[in-house]
PDB file of N, CA and C in Angstrom:
ATOM      1  N   MET A   1      86.210 116.717 107.215  1.00  0.00           N
ATOM      2  CA  MET A   1      85.346 118.514 107.228  1.00  0.00           C
ATOM      3  C   MET A   1      86.956 119.316 107.161  1.00  0.00           C
ATOM      4  N   ARG A   2      87.062 119.935 106.986  1.00  0.00           N
ATOM      5  CA  ARG A   2      88.689 120.833 106.924  1.00  0.00           C
ATOM      6  C   ARG A   2      88.203 122.222 107.563  1.00  0.00           C
ATOM      7  N   THR A   3      88.426 122.547 108.722  1.00  0.00           N
ATOM      8  CA  THR A   3      88.597 123.531 109.081  1.00  0.00           C
ATOM      9  C   THR A   3      89.768 124.977 108.723  1.00  0.00           C
ATOM     10  N   ALA A   4      89.358 126.496 108.175  1.00  0.00           N
ATOM     11  CA  ALA A   4      90.302 127.150 108.014  1.00  0.00           C
ATOM     12  C   ALA A   4      91.373 127.475 109.110  1.00  0.00           C
ATOM     13  N   ILE A   5      92.608 126.410 108.359  1.00  0.00           N
ATOM     14  CA  ILE A   5      93.532 127.552 109.179  1.00  0.00           C
ATOM     15  C   ILE A   5      94.227 128.494 108.370  1.00  0.00           C
ATOM     16  N   PHE A   6      93.628 128.951 107.827  1.00  0.00           N
ATOM     17  CA  PHE A   6      95.295 130.020 106.698  1.00  0.00           C
ATOM     18  C   PHE A   6      93.429 130.738 106.464  1.00  0.00           C
ATOM     19  N   ASP A   7      93.494 132.051 106.834  1.00  0.00           N
ATOM     20  CA  ASP A   7      92.709 132.676 106.314  1.00  0.00           C
ATOM     21  C   ASP A   7      92.863 134.038 104.979  1.00  0.00           C
ATOM     22  N   THR A   8      92.127 133.308 104.134  1.00  0.00           N
ATOM     23  CA  THR A   8      92.917 134.029 102.371  1.00  0.00           C
ATOM     24  C   THR A   8      92.446 135.318 102.487  1.00  0.00           C
ATOM     25  N   LEU A   9      90.689 135.849 103.346  1.00  0.00           N
ATOM     26  CA  LEU A   9      90.631 136.314 102.863  1.00  0.00           C
ATOM     27  C   LEU A   9      91.569 138.222 103.829  1.00  0.00           C
ATOM     28  N   GLU A  10      92.005 137.817 104.710  1.00  0.00           N
ATOM     29  CA  GLU A  10      93.136 138.109 105.432  1.00  0.00           C
ATOM     30  C   GLU A  10      94.663 138.160 104.848  1.00  0.00           C
ATOM     31  N   PHE A  11      94.574 137.201 104.182  1.00  0.00           N
ATOM     32  CA  PHE A  11      95.855 137.564 103.498  1.00  0.00           C
ATOM     33  C   PHE A  11      95.732 138.726 102.436  1.00  0.00           C
ATOM     34  N   ALA A  12      95.066 138.340 101.448  1.00  0.00           N
ATOM     35  CA  ALA A  12      95.057 139.199 100.507  1.00  0.00           C
ATOM     36  C   ALA A  12      94.574 140.136 100.727  1.00  0.00           C
ATOM     37  N   LYS A  13      93.681 140.462 102.018  1.00  0.00           N
ATOM     38  CA  LYS A  13      94.000 142.079 102.541  1.00  0.00           C
ATOM     39  C   LYS A  13      95.454 142.631 102.986  1.00  0.00           C
ATOM     40  N   LYS A  14      96.212 141.948 103.398  1.00  0.00           N
ATOM     41  CA  LYS A  14      97.692 142.743 103.840  1.00  0.00           C
ATOM     42  C   LYS A  14      97.963 143.014 102.418  1.00  0.00           C
ATOM     43  N   LEU A  15      98.084 141.692 101.254  1.00  0.00           N
ATOM     44  CA  LEU A  15      98.801 142.079 100.061  1.00  0.00           C
ATOM     45  C   LEU A  15      98.261 143.274  99.467  1.00  0.00           C
ATOM     46  N   LYS A  16      96.897 143.111  99.947  1.00  0.00           N
ATOM     47  CA  LYS A  16      96.419 144.867  98.506  1.00  0.00           C
ATOM     48  C   LYS A  16      96.813 146.032  98.966  1.00  0.00           C
ATOM     49  N   ALA A  17      97.338 145.812 100.112  1.00  0.00           N
ATOM     50  CA  ALA A  17      97.812 146.790 101.241  1.00  0.00           C
ATOM     51  C   ALA A  17      99.464 146.693 101.316  1.00  0.00           C
ATOM     52  N   ALA A  18     100.004 146.334 100.786  1.00  0.00           N
ATOM     53  CA  ALA A  18     100.897 146.129 100.064  1.00  0.00           C
ATOM     54  C   ALA A  18     101.152 146.435  98.786  1.00  0.00           C
ATOM     55  N   ASP A  19     100.520 146.994  98.217  1.00  0.00           N
ATOM     56  CA  ASP A  19      99.937 147.355  96.945  1.00  0.00           C
ATOM     57  C   ASP A  19      99.876 146.061  95.825  1.00  0.00           C
ATOM     58  N   PHE A  20      99.431 145.169  96.013  1.00  0.00           N
ATOM     59  CA  PHE A  20      99.348 143.524  95.113  1.00  0.00           C
ATOM     60  C   PHE A  20      98.392 144.147  94.264  1.00  0.00           C
ATOM     61  N   THR A  21      97.863 143.886  92.950  1.00  0.00           N
ATOM     62  CA  THR A  21      96.391 144.241  92.767  1.00  0.00           C
ATOM     63  C   THR A  21      95.673 143.452  93.250  1.00  0.00           C
ATOM     64  N   ASP A  22      94.376 142.747  93.066  1.00  0.00           N
ATOM     65  CA  ASP A  22      93.615 142.122  93.302  1.00  0.00           C
ATOM     66  C   ASP A  22      93.608 140.853  92.277  1.00  0.00           C
ATOM     67  N   GLN A  23      94.203 140.715  91.542  1.00  0.00           N
ATOM     68  CA  GLN A  23      94.100 139.581  90.990  1.00  0.00           C
ATOM     69  C   GLN A  23      95.049 138.977  91.933  1.00  0.00           C
ATOM     70  N   GLN A  24      96.314 139.710  91.665  1.00  0.00           N
ATOM     71  CA  GLN A  24      97.421 139.611  92.511  1.00  0.00           C
ATOM     72  C   GLN A  24      97.521 138.790  93.925  1.00  0.00           C
ATOM     73  N   ALA A  25      96.609 139.180  94.330  1.00  0.00           N
ATOM     74  CA  ALA A  25      95.956 139.321  95.981  1.00  0.00           C
ATOM     75  C   ALA A  25      95.694 137.514  96.304  1.00  0.00           C
ATOM     76  N   GLU A  26      94.329 138.141  95.070  1.00  0.00           N
ATOM     77  CA  GLU A  26      93.402 137.295  95.664  1.00  0.00           C
ATOM     78  C   GLU A  26      94.108 135.271  95.113  1.00  0.00           C
ATOM     79  N   THR A  27      94.759 135.620  93.954  1.00  0.00           N
ATOM     80  CA  THR A  27      95.837 134.497  92.997  1.00  0.00           C
ATOM     81  C   THR A  27      96.241 133.843  94.297  1.00  0.00           C
ATOM     82  N   LEU A  28      97.572 134.622  94.785  1.00  0.00           N
ATOM     83  CA  LEU A  28      98.980 134.540  96.180  1.00  0.00           C
ATOM     84  C   LEU A  28      98.630 133.279  97.369  1.00  0.00           C
ATOM     85  N   ALA A  29      97.311 134.210  97.512  1.00  0.00           N
ATOM     86  CA  ALA A  29      96.509 133.587  98.550  1.00  0.00           C
ATOM     87  C   ALA A  29      95.629 132.258  98.259  1.00  0.00           C
ATOM     88  N   THR A  30      95.025 132.401  97.447  1.00  0.00           N
ATOM     89  CA  THR A  30      94.151 131.030  96.406  1.00  0.00           C
ATOM     90  C   THR A  30      95.630 129.661  96.627  1.00  0.00           C
ATOM     91  N   ALA A  31      96.789 130.283  95.966  1.00  0.00           N
ATOM     92  CA  ALA A  31      97.858 129.825  96.250  1.00  0.00           C
ATOM     93  C   ALA A  31      98.549 129.080  97.670  1.00  0.00           C
ATOM     94  N   VAL A  32      98.589 130.097  97.947  1.00  0.00           N
ATOM     95  CA  VAL A  32      99.415 129.693  99.492  1.00  0.00           C
ATOM     96  C   VAL A  32      98.492 128.787  99.912  1.00  0.00           C
ATOM     97  N   SER A  33      97.225 128.953 100.043  1.00  0.00           N
ATOM     98  CA  SER A  33      96.036 128.061 100.869  1.00  0.00           C
ATOM     99  C   SER A  33      96.309 126.735 100.224  1.00  0.00           C
ATOM    100  N   GLU A  34      95.684 126.399  99.221  1.00  0.00           N
ATOM    101  CA  GLU A  34      96.130 124.924  98.408  1.00  0.00           C
ATOM    102  C   GLU A  34      97.364 124.498  98.340  1.00  0.00           C
ATOM    103  N   ILE A  35      98.692 125.016  98.725  1.00  0.00           N
ATOM    104  CA  ILE A  35     100.065 124.665  99.135  1.00  0.00           C
ATOM    105  C   ILE A  35      99.462 124.601 101.110  1.00  0.00           C
ATOM    106  N   ILE A  36      99.587 124.868 101.566  1.00  0.00           N
ATOM    107  CA  ILE A  36      99.112 124.210 102.599  1.00  0.00           C
ATOM    108  C   ILE A  36      98.394 123.386 103.012  1.00  0.00           C
ATOM    109  N   GLU A  37      97.183 123.547 102.553  1.00  0.00           N
ATOM    110  CA  GLU A  37      96.594 122.284 103.104  1.00  0.00           C
ATOM    111  C   GLU A  37      96.469 120.933 102.337  1.00  0.00           C
ATOM    112  N   ALA A  38      97.188 120.964 101.146  1.00  0.00           N
ATOM    113  CA  ALA A  38      98.371 120.221 100.811  1.00  0.00           C
ATOM    114  C   ALA A  38      99.376 119.187 101.459  1.00  0.00           C
ATOM    115  N   ARG A  39      99.255 120.177 102.383  1.00  0.00           N
ATOM    116  CA  ARG A  39     101.083 119.311 103.018  1.00  0.00           C
ATOM    117  C   ARG A  39     100.236 119.725 104.494  1.00  0.00           C
ATOM    118  N   LEU A  40      99.084 119.318 104.761  1.00  0.00           N
ATOM    119  CA  LEU A  40      98.754 119.627 106.188  1.00  0.00           C
ATOM    120  C   LEU A  40      97.931 118.095 106.289  1.00  0.00           C
ATOM    121  N   ALA A  41      98.510 117.880 107.282  1.00  0.00           N
ATOM    122  CA  ALA A  41      98.293 115.632 108.348  1.00  0.00           C
ATOM    123  C   ALA A  41      97.027 115.932 108.433  1.00  0.00           C
ATOM    124  N   THR A  42      95.802 115.292 108.304  1.00  0.00           N
ATOM    125  CA  THR A  42      94.673 114.127 108.614  1.00  0.00           C
ATOM    126  C   THR A  42      94.936 113.988 109.671  1.00  0.00           C
ATOM    127  N   LYS A  43      93.494 114.215 110.472  1.00  0.00           N
ATOM    128  CA  LYS A  43      93.278 112.666 111.478  1.00  0.00           C
ATOM    129  C   LYS A  43      93.554 111.186 111.036  1.00  0.00           C
ATOM    130  N   GLU A  44      93.500 111.155 109.773  1.00  0.00           N
ATOM    131  CA  GLU A  44      93.570 109.913 108.942  1.00  0.00           C
ATOM    132  C   GLU A  44      94.783 109.682 108.821  1.00  0.00           C
ATOM    133  N   ASP A  45      95.861 110.774 108.299  1.00  0.00           N
ATOM    134  CA  ASP A  45      97.149 110.614 108.011  1.00  0.00           C
ATOM    135  C   ASP A  45      97.591 110.227 109.271  1.00  0.00           C
ATOM    136  N   ILE A  46      97.644 110.625 110.458  1.00  0.00           N
ATOM    137  CA  ILE A  46      97.774 110.923 112.286  1.00  0.00           C
ATOM    138  C   ILE A  46      97.037 109.326 112.530  1.00  0.00           C
ATOM    139  N   ALA A  47      96.362 108.575 112.185  1.00  0.00           N
ATOM    140  CA  ALA A  47      96.133 107.026 112.442  1.00  0.00           C
ATOM    141  C   ALA A  47      96.528 106.342 111.946  1.00  0.00           C
ATOM    142  N   MET A  48      96.566 106.860 110.651  1.00  0.00           N
ATOM    143  CA  MET A  48      97.985 105.778 109.542  1.00  0.00           C
ATOM    144  C   MET A  48      99.237 105.529 109.917  1.00  0.00           C
ATOM    145  N   LEU A  49      99.622 106.755 110.429  1.00  0.00           N
ATOM    146  CA  LEU A  49     101.667 106.691 111.128  1.00  0.00           C
ATOM    147  C   LEU A  49     100.902 106.218 112.885  1.00  0.00           C
ATOM    148  N   GLN A  50     100.349 106.487 113.577  1.00  0.00           N
ATOM    149  CA  GLN A  50      99.738 105.775 114.451  1.00  0.00           C
ATOM    150  C   GLN A  50     100.374 104.047 114.258  1.00  0.00           C
ATOM    151  N   ARG A  51      99.022 103.624 112.774  1.00  0.00           N
ATOM    152  CA  ARG A  51      99.061 102.415 113.140  1.00  0.00           C
ATOM    153  C   ARG A  51     100.432 101.223 112.664  1.00  0.00           C
ATOM    154  N   ASP A  52     101.138 102.321 111.805  1.00  0.00           N
ATOM    155  CA  ASP A  52     102.854 101.716 111.326  1.00  0.00           C
ATOM    156  C   ASP A  52     103.514 101.997 112.255  1.00  0.00           C
ATOM    157  N   ILE A  53     103.660 102.870 113.361  1.00  0.00           N
ATOM    158  CA  ILE A  53     104.785 103.166 114.513  1.00  0.00           C
ATOM    159  C   ILE A  53     104.142 101.597 115.469  1.00  0.00           C
ATOM    160  N   ALA A  54     102.812 101.012 115.558  1.00  0.00           N
ATOM    161  CA  ALA A  54     103.007  99.939 116.138  1.00  0.00           C
ATOM    162  C   ALA A  54     102.916  98.942 116.103  1.00  0.00           C
ATOM    163  N   MET A  55     102.712  98.740 114.349  1.00  0.00           N
ATOM    164  CA  MET A  55     103.508  97.312 113.902  1.00  0.00           C
ATOM    165  C   MET A  55     104.850  97.197 113.717  1.00  0.00           C
ATOM    166  N   LEU A  56     105.612  98.213 113.804  1.00  0.00           N
ATOM    167  CA  LEU A  56     107.387  98.515 113.986  1.00  0.00           C
ATOM    168  C   LEU A  56     107.364  98.513 114.581  1.00  0.00           C
ATOM    169  N   GLN A  57     107.054  98.692 116.407  1.00  0.00           N
ATOM    170  CA  GLN A  57     107.427  98.029 117.927  1.00  0.00           C
ATOM    171  C   GLN A  57     106.944  96.921 117.744  1.00  0.00           C
ATOM    172  N   ARG A  58     106.486  96.481 117.409  1.00  0.00           N
ATOM    173  CA  ARG A  58     105.540  94.824 118.041  1.00  0.00           C
ATOM    174  C   ARG A  58     107.057  94.265 116.572  1.00  0.00           C
ATOM    175  N   ASP A  59     106.783  94.311 115.698  1.00  0.00           N
ATOM    176  CA  ASP A  59     108.129  94.250 115.120  1.00  0.00           C
ATOM    177  C   ASP A  59     109.671  93.421 115.822  1.00  0.00           C
ATOM    178  N   ILE A  60     109.647  95.316 116.274  1.00  0.00           N
ATOM    179  CA  ILE A  60     111.259  95.213 117.190  1.00  0.00           C
ATOM    180  C   ILE A  60     110.856  94.389 118.392  1.00  0.00           C
ATOM    181  N   ARG A  61     109.888  94.528 118.841  1.00  0.00           N
ATOM    182  CA  ARG A  61     110.083  93.280 119.789  1.00  0.00           C
ATOM    183  C   ARG A  61     110.226  92.056 119.812  1.00  0.00           C
ATOM    184  N   GLU A  62     109.450  91.766 118.361  1.00  0.00           N
ATOM    185  CA  GLU A  62     109.526  90.245 117.323  1.00  0.00           C
ATOM    186  C   GLU A  62     111.288  90.017 117.835  1.00  0.00           C
ATOM    187  N   THR A  63     111.626  90.603 116.715  1.00  0.00           N
ATOM    188  CA  THR A  63     113.135  91.000 116.262  1.00  0.00           C
ATOM    189  C   THR A  63     114.122  90.790 117.982  1.00  0.00           C
ATOM    190  N   GLU A  64     114.350  91.612 119.026  1.00  0.00           N
ATOM    191  CA  GLU A  64     114.601  91.129 120.314  1.00  0.00           C
ATOM    192  C   GLU A  64     114.076  89.830 120.552  1.00  0.00           C
ATOM    193  N   LEU A  65     113.154  89.749 120.421  1.00  0.00           N
ATOM    194  CA  LEU A  65     112.599  88.606 121.620  1.00  0.00           C
ATOM    195  C   LEU A  65     113.561  86.823 120.800  1.00  0.00           C
ATOM    196  N   ARG A  66     113.326  87.534 119.294  1.00  0.00           N
ATOM    197  CA  ARG A  66     114.521  86.348 118.118  1.00  0.00           C
ATOM    198  C   ARG A  66     116.195  86.236 118.629  1.00  0.00           C
ATOM    199  N   LEU A  67     116.677  87.141 118.453  1.00  0.00           N
ATOM    200  CA  LEU A  67     117.796  87.785 119.402  1.00  0.00           C
ATOM    201  C   LEU A  67     118.462  86.446 120.597  1.00  0.00           C
ATOM    202  N   LYS A  68     117.472  87.330 121.875  1.00  0.00           N
ATOM    203  CA  LYS A  68     117.884  86.704 123.031  1.00  0.00           C
ATOM    204  C   LYS A  68     117.638  85.042 122.693  1.00  0.00           C
ATOM    205  N   HIS A  69     116.974  85.068 122.258  1.00  0.00           N
ATOM    206  CA  HIS A  69     117.211  83.332 121.964  1.00  0.00           C
ATOM    207  C   HIS A  69     118.109  82.927 121.392  1.00  0.00           C
ATOM    208  N   ASP A  70     118.624  83.392 120.267  1.00  0.00           N
ATOM    209  CA  ASP A  70     119.736  83.621 119.650  1.00  0.00           C
ATOM    210  C   ASP A  70     121.356  83.084 120.462  1.00  0.00           C
ATOM    211  N   LEU A  71     120.812  84.641 120.754  1.00  0.00           N
ATOM    212  CA  LEU A  71     122.312  84.790 121.930  1.00  0.00           C
ATOM    213  C   LEU A  71     122.183  83.406 123.002  1.00  0.00           C
ATOM    214  N   THR A  72     121.185  83.297 123.469  1.00  0.00           N
ATOM    215  CA  THR A  72     121.092  82.082 124.850  1.00  0.00           C
ATOM    216  C   THR A  72     121.063  81.147 124.482  1.00  0.00           C
ATOM    217  N   LEU A  73     120.399  80.694 123.301  1.00  0.00           N
ATOM    218  CA  LEU A  73     121.395  78.958 122.223  1.00  0.00           C
ATOM    219  C   LEU A  73     123.201  79.483 122.160  1.00  0.00           C
ATOM    220  N   ARG A  74     123.460  80.611 122.044  1.00  0.00           N
ATOM    221  CA  ARG A  74     125.626  80.555 121.599  1.00  0.00           C
ATOM    222  C   ARG A  74     125.993  80.762 122.618  1.00  0.00           C
ATOM    223  N   LEU A  75     125.607  81.577 123.734  1.00  0.00           N
ATOM    224  CA  LEU A  75     126.601  81.246 124.763  1.00  0.00           C
ATOM    225  C   LEU A  75     126.458  79.887 125.804  1.00  0.00           C
ATOM    226  N   GLY A  76     125.211  79.206 125.199  1.00  0.00           N
ATOM    227  CA  GLY A  76     124.633  78.120 125.984  1.00  0.00           C
ATOM    228  C   GLY A  76     126.780  76.879 125.480  1.00  0.00           C
ATOM    229  N   GLY A  77     125.817  77.116 124.059  1.00  0.00           N
ATOM    230  CA  GLY A  77     127.326  76.268 123.279  1.00  0.00           C
ATOM    231  C   GLY A  77     128.427  76.540 123.730  1.00  0.00           C
ATOM    232  N   MET A  78     128.684  77.806 123.211  1.00  0.00           N
ATOM    233  CA  MET A  78     130.038  78.383 123.981  1.00  0.00           C
ATOM    234  C   MET A  78     130.815  77.518 125.582  1.00  0.00           C
ATOM    235  N   LEU A  79     129.006  77.749 126.476  1.00  0.00           N
ATOM    236  CA  LEU A  79     129.952  77.908 127.810  1.00  0.00           C
ATOM    237  C   LEU A  79     129.603  76.106 128.103  1.00  0.00           C
ATOM    238  N   ALA A  80     129.195  75.319 127.357  1.00  0.00           N
ATOM    239  CA  ALA A  80     129.418  73.491 126.852  1.00  0.00           C
ATOM    240  C   ALA A  80     131.286  73.130 126.649  1.00  0.00           C
ATOM    241  N   GLY A  81     131.035  73.847 124.957  1.00  0.00           N
ATOM    242  CA  GLY A  81     132.472  73.962 124.536  1.00  0.00           C
ATOM    243  C   GLY A  81     133.259  74.332 125.493  1.00  0.00           C
ATOM    244  N   GLY A  82     133.040  75.162 126.597  1.00  0.00           N
ATOM    245  CA  GLY A  82     134.648  75.410 127.169  1.00  0.00           C
ATOM    246  C   GLY A  82     134.537  74.717 128.932  1.00  0.00           C
ATOM    247  N   ILE A  83     133.702  74.289 129.195  1.00  0.00           N
ATOM    248  CA  ILE A  83     133.170  72.941 129.892  1.00  0.00           C
ATOM    249  C   ILE A  83     134.464  72.195 129.244  1.00  0.00           C
ATOM    250  N   ALA A  84     133.684  71.342 128.678  1.00  0.00           N
ATOM    251  CA  ALA A  84     134.609  69.930 127.776  1.00  0.00           C
ATOM    252  C   ALA A  84     136.149  69.961 127.026  1.00  0.00           C
ATOM    253  N   VAL A  85     136.392  71.576 127.004  1.00  0.00           N
ATOM    254  CA  VAL A  85     137.478  72.271 126.882  1.00  0.00           C
ATOM    255  C   VAL A  85     138.389  71.719 128.032  1.00  0.00           C
ATOM    256  N   VAL A  86     138.185  72.401 129.258  1.00  0.00           N
ATOM    257  CA  VAL A  86     139.192  72.057 130.337  1.00  0.00           C
ATOM    258  C   VAL A  86     138.751  70.340 130.970  1.00  0.00           C
ATOM    259  N   ALA A  87     137.386  70.271 130.758  1.00  0.00           N
ATOM    260  CA  ALA A  87     137.425  68.213 131.012  1.00  0.00           C
ATOM    261  C   ALA A  87     138.228  68.063 130.649  1.00  0.00           C
ATOM    262  N   ALA A  88     138.416  68.356 128.960  1.00  0.00           N
ATOM    263  CA  ALA A  88     140.155  67.092 128.894  1.00  0.00           C
ATOM    264  C   ALA A  88     141.473  67.544 129.110  1.00  0.00           C
ATOM    265  N   LEU A  89     141.250  68.778 129.434  1.00  0.00           N
ATOM    266  CA  LEU A  89     142.787  69.491 129.940  1.00  0.00           C
ATOM    267  C   LEU A  89     142.746  68.941 131.181  1.00  0.00           C
ATOM    268  N   VAL A  90     141.688  69.267 132.460  1.00  0.00           N
ATOM    269  CA  VAL A  90     142.047  67.952 133.117  1.00  0.00           C
ATOM    270  C   VAL A  90     142.349  66.814 133.208  1.00  0.00           C
ATOM    271  N   LYS A  91     141.612  65.712 132.615  1.00  0.00           N
ATOM    272  CA  LYS A  91     142.762  64.521 131.771  1.00  0.00           C
ATOM    273  C   LYS A  91     144.008  64.290 131.778  1.00  0.00           C
ATOM    274  N   LEU A  92     144.383  65.118 130.813  1.00  0.00           N
ATOM    275  CA  LEU A  92     145.447  65.693 129.998  1.00  0.00           C
ATOM    276  C   LEU A  92     146.005  65.699 131.313  1.00  0.00           C
ATOM    277  N   LEU A  93     146.339  66.300 132.027  1.00  0.00           N
ATOM    278  CA  LEU A  93     147.461  67.024 132.775  1.00  0.00           C
ATOM    279  C   LEU A  93     146.669  66.787 134.666  1.00  0.00           C
TER     280      LEU A  93
END
């Protein structure tokens, strides 16, 4: 159930006061009301958006953990390689 956030009667009265005909004022008020209601987010829309945001946050956390793991492995490999190079140089010198 939607509550009225746009008072079509008041809007139509203001248009009539500005020399619009009754039909023009009522038609314009109805059109504006329909546009506002079509663009208005409902509680369901907001709940769906919150679920999507929560899923994205989980995906970001998972990606961050995977990146940490990959970087740790790469750093370990580079460290081992560096130590091997230093050990080889020490033997040669």
